[in-house]
Amino acid sequence: MLPLGDENPRGILPIVTWCLIAANVLVFVWELFTPLSMEFIVYRYGFIPAMGINLRLLTSMFLHADITHIGGNMLYLWIFGDNIEDACGHISFLLFYLLSGIAGGLTMLLIEPTSSIPAIGASGAISGVLGAYILLYPHARVRTLVFAFIFIRFIRLPAYILIGFWFLLQFYYGVAGATTGVAYWAHIGGFVVGFLLVSLFAWRRRRRRQPFM
């Protein structure tokens, strides 16, 4: 299933979401044209659990392996990030996003503390956005492209079905120890922390719910 857009109106311009997308794209362009090898970049700026907690928890969030990696991550951020930014406000959303990404890296550190394999990508942070979205907007409709064998169909799914199915896949592959090169535990950690913390950050949504006296 591939989400293409949601039907959830927002009340502000998602400036931070757009800036995060732009930052990720600019870093990816730098990766493509820098004389430095991709291997050097990944081992220099990617998060390596065996090295413990360090600045790489942040730098790794803006690196991507290839066009499909960044394309998928930015698509999810574009679709779901604006509404979470609307609920949190610009600065709070940025902090929430970064904390979710850090949580994803720390989850990998907890699960595989001796791993020397570097992890890169914004997936942990975006997983936090998904965790927030399923809590705040579970019934929002998401336009989704569904592939079923030779059939392709566009359907509108409630967010809790689309995101819930995504999370179950991450959990299954994480527990099964799938060796696909995907940091499933970073996804799981970011999602859970995003789900648990968003209520502390979504001050704009709480304010809109207060009755006028």
Protein backbone atom coordinates (compact mmCIF):
# COMPACT_ATOMS: atom_id res chain seq x y z
CA MET A 1 0.00 0.00 0.00
CA LEU A 2 1.32 3.41 -1.00
CA PRO A 3 -0.23 6.56 0.50
CA LEU A 4 -0.64 9.42 -1.96
CA GLY A 5 -2.31 12.08 0.19
CA ASP A 6 -4.72 12.62 3.04
CA GLU A 7 -8.04 14.43 3.36
CA ASN A 8 -7.24 16.23 6.58
CA PRO A 9 -7.30 20.04 6.36
CA ARG A 10 -4.68 22.10 8.20
CA GLY A 11 -4.85 25.58 9.71
CA ILE A 12 -1.29 26.80 9.20
CA LEU A 13 1.39 26.72 6.53
CA PRO A 14 3.62 23.74 7.41
CA ILE A 15 6.84 25.72 7.12
CA VAL A 16 8.89 23.37 9.28
CA THR A 17 7.70 20.31 7.35
CA TRP A 18 8.70 21.97 4.09
CA CYS A 19 12.06 23.02 5.52
CA LEU A 20 12.77 19.50 6.78
CA ILE A 21 11.97 18.08 3.35
CA ALA A 22 14.20 20.69 1.72
CA ALA A 23 17.05 19.96 4.15
CA ASN A 24 16.87 16.24 3.48
CA VAL A 25 16.80 16.77 -0.28
CA LEU A 26 19.74 19.20 -0.18
CA VAL A 27 21.82 16.77 1.86
CA PHE A 28 20.95 14.00 -0.57
CA VAL A 29 22.04 16.17 -3.50
CA TRP A 30 25.30 16.80 -1.63
CA GLU A 31 25.73 13.04 -1.21
CA LEU A 32 25.35 12.59 -4.96
CA PHE A 33 27.88 15.24 -6.00
CA THR A 34 30.46 15.35 -3.23
CA PRO A 35 33.83 13.76 -4.04
CA LEU A 36 33.53 11.85 -0.76
CA SER A 37 32.50 8.22 -1.13
CA MET A 38 29.11 7.12 0.15
CA GLU A 39 30.83 4.60 2.40
CA PHE A 40 32.87 7.37 4.03
CA ILE A 41 29.78 9.54 4.53
CA VAL A 42 27.76 6.74 6.07
CA TYR A 43 30.51 5.67 8.47
CA ARG A 44 31.38 9.27 9.34
CA TYR A 45 27.87 10.63 9.92
CA GLY A 46 25.62 7.55 10.29
CA PHE A 47 24.59 6.34 13.73
CA ILE A 48 26.57 3.31 14.90
CA PRO A 49 25.12 1.75 18.08
CA ALA A 50 28.48 0.37 19.22
CA MET A 51 29.82 3.95 19.46
CA GLY A 52 27.15 4.93 21.98
CA ILE A 53 25.26 8.21 22.24
CA ASN A 54 26.74 11.04 20.19
CA LEU A 55 25.94 13.73 17.63
CA ARG A 56 25.45 11.09 14.94
CA LEU A 57 21.95 10.55 16.33
CA LEU A 58 21.14 13.86 14.64
CA THR A 59 23.37 13.81 11.55
CA SER A 60 22.20 10.33 10.56
CA MET A 61 18.61 11.61 10.31
CA PHE A 62 19.43 13.69 7.23
CA LEU A 63 21.28 11.03 5.21
CA HIS A 64 19.69 8.61 2.77
CA ALA A 65 21.04 5.65 0.84
CA ASP A 66 19.33 6.17 -2.53
CA ILE A 67 16.44 7.84 -4.35
CA THR A 68 13.86 5.28 -3.21
CA HIS A 69 14.97 5.68 0.40
CA ILE A 70 14.60 9.45 0.46
CA GLY A 71 11.58 9.39 -1.84
CA GLY A 72 9.59 7.11 0.46
CA ASN A 73 10.54 9.01 3.60
CA MET A 74 9.77 12.43 2.16
CA LEU A 75 6.44 11.23 0.76
CA TYR A 76 5.31 10.16 4.24
CA LEU A 77 6.60 13.39 5.78
CA TRP A 78 4.80 15.45 3.11
CA ILE A 79 1.48 13.65 3.67
CA PHE A 80 1.41 13.39 7.45
CA GLY A 81 3.82 16.02 8.74
CA ASP A 82 1.69 19.08 7.99
CA ASN A 83 -1.17 18.06 10.28
CA ILE A 84 1.14 17.23 13.16
CA GLU A 85 2.87 20.59 12.70
CA ASP A 86 -0.59 22.17 12.71
CA ALA A 87 -1.40 20.45 16.01
CA CYS A 88 1.94 21.27 17.65
CA GLY A 89 2.98 24.61 16.22
CA HIS A 90 6.19 25.18 14.31
CA ILE A 91 8.85 25.08 17.02
CA SER A 92 7.19 22.34 19.05
CA PHE A 93 6.85 20.21 15.94
CA LEU A 94 10.54 20.56 15.12
CA LEU A 95 11.46 19.48 18.64
CA PHE A 96 8.98 16.61 18.48
CA TYR A 97 10.39 15.47 15.13
CA LEU A 98 13.99 15.50 16.36
CA LEU A 99 13.11 13.73 19.60
CA SER A 100 11.31 11.00 17.66
CA GLY A 101 14.35 10.51 15.44
CA ILE A 102 16.67 10.35 18.45
CA ALA A 103 14.32 7.85 20.08
CA GLY A 104 14.57 5.66 17.00
CA GLY A 105 18.35 5.63 17.24
CA LEU A 106 18.30 4.97 20.98
CA THR A 107 15.97 2.02 20.42
CA MET A 108 18.52 0.52 18.05
CA LEU A 109 21.19 1.12 20.70
CA LEU A 110 19.04 -0.69 23.26
CA ILE A 111 18.29 -3.67 21.00
CA GLU A 112 21.70 -4.02 19.32
CA PRO A 113 24.24 -2.21 21.51
CA THR A 114 27.27 -3.91 19.92
CA SER A 115 26.25 -3.37 16.29
CA SER A 116 28.87 -1.66 14.14
CA ILE A 117 26.51 -1.25 11.18
CA PRO A 118 25.68 2.44 10.58
CA ALA A 119 22.05 3.48 10.33
CA ILE A 120 20.93 6.45 8.25
CA GLY A 121 17.63 8.00 7.28
CA ALA A 122 14.75 10.07 8.61
CA SER A 123 12.61 6.99 9.22
CA GLY A 124 12.72 7.14 13.01
CA ALA A 125 11.56 10.75 13.07
CA ILE A 126 8.87 10.15 10.46
CA SER A 127 7.72 7.07 12.37
CA GLY A 128 7.15 9.42 15.31
CA VAL A 129 4.99 11.58 13.04
CA LEU A 130 2.98 8.48 12.10
CA GLY A 131 2.55 7.55 15.75
CA ALA A 132 1.26 11.05 16.45
CA TYR A 133 -1.06 10.97 13.44
CA ILE A 134 -2.72 7.68 14.35
CA LEU A 135 -3.43 9.05 17.83
CA LEU A 136 -4.68 12.50 16.82
CA TYR A 137 -6.39 11.69 13.51
CA PRO A 138 -7.24 7.96 13.46
CA HIS A 139 -10.24 8.36 11.16
CA ALA A 140 -8.72 10.81 8.67
CA ARG A 141 -8.98 9.39 5.17
CA VAL A 142 -5.78 8.64 3.28
CA ARG A 143 -5.81 8.21 -0.48
CA THR A 144 -3.92 4.98 -1.04
CA LEU A 145 -2.63 3.03 -4.01
CA VAL A 146 -3.11 -0.68 -3.37
CA PHE A 147 -1.24 -3.36 -5.31
CA ALA A 148 -2.91 -6.79 -5.40
CA PHE A 149 -1.12 -9.14 -7.77
CA ILE A 150 -1.76 -7.66 -11.24
CA PHE A 151 -4.46 -5.29 -10.02
CA ILE A 152 -3.86 -1.70 -8.96
CA ARG A 153 -6.60 0.24 -7.22
CA PHE A 154 -7.03 3.62 -5.54
CA ILE A 155 -8.94 3.51 -2.25
CA ARG A 156 -9.53 5.82 0.72
CA LEU A 157 -8.42 4.20 3.98
CA PRO A 158 -8.81 5.46 7.54
CA ALA A 159 -5.41 6.42 8.92
CA TYR A 160 -5.62 3.83 11.69
CA ILE A 161 -5.84 1.02 9.13
CA LEU A 162 -3.03 2.24 6.87
CA ILE A 163 -0.65 3.28 9.64
CA GLY A 164 -1.66 0.39 11.89
CA PHE A 165 -0.85 -2.09 9.11
CA TRP A 166 2.49 -0.35 8.53
CA PHE A 167 3.38 -0.58 12.22
CA LEU A 168 2.46 -4.27 12.43
CA LEU A 169 4.81 -4.95 9.52
CA GLN A 170 7.64 -3.09 11.25
CA PHE A 171 7.04 -5.00 14.46
CA TYR A 172 6.86 -8.35 12.70
CA TYR A 173 10.09 -7.82 10.78
CA GLY A 174 11.82 -6.38 13.84
CA VAL A 175 10.93 -9.33 16.07
CA ALA A 176 11.71 -11.80 13.28
CA GLY A 177 15.16 -10.25 12.91
CA ALA A 178 14.75 -9.66 9.18
CA THR A 179 18.06 -8.88 7.46
CA THR A 180 16.80 -6.51 4.79
CA GLY A 181 19.01 -3.55 5.68
CA VAL A 182 16.02 -1.67 7.12
CA ALA A 183 16.25 -0.34 10.70
CA TYR A 184 12.91 -1.73 11.84
CA TRP A 185 13.61 -1.11 15.52
CA ALA A 186 14.30 2.55 14.79
CA HIS A 187 10.85 2.70 13.17
CA ILE A 188 9.25 0.99 16.16
CA GLY A 189 11.00 3.20 18.72
CA GLY A 190 10.22 6.41 16.88
CA PHE A 191 6.58 5.42 16.43
CA VAL A 192 6.02 4.49 20.08
CA VAL A 193 7.69 7.65 21.38
CA GLY A 194 5.75 9.79 18.91
CA PHE A 195 2.49 8.16 19.97
CA LEU A 196 3.26 8.68 23.66
CA LEU A 197 4.70 12.20 23.50
CA VAL A 198 2.54 14.05 20.98
CA SER A 199 -0.08 14.93 23.58
CA LEU A 200 2.57 17.00 25.35
CA PHE A 201 3.37 18.92 22.18
CA ALA A 202 -0.04 19.31 20.52
CA TRP A 203 -0.90 22.57 22.29
CA ARG A 204 -2.57 24.19 19.27
CA ARG A 205 -5.02 21.31 18.94
CA ARG A 206 -5.88 21.47 22.63
CA ARG A 207 -6.43 25.24 22.38
CA ARG A 208 -8.86 24.84 19.48
CA ARG A 209 -10.91 22.39 21.53
CA GLN A 210 -11.43 24.83 24.42
CA PRO A 211 -14.96 26.31 24.41
CA PHE A 212 -15.42 30.06 24.15
CA MET A 213 -16.82 31.66 27.31
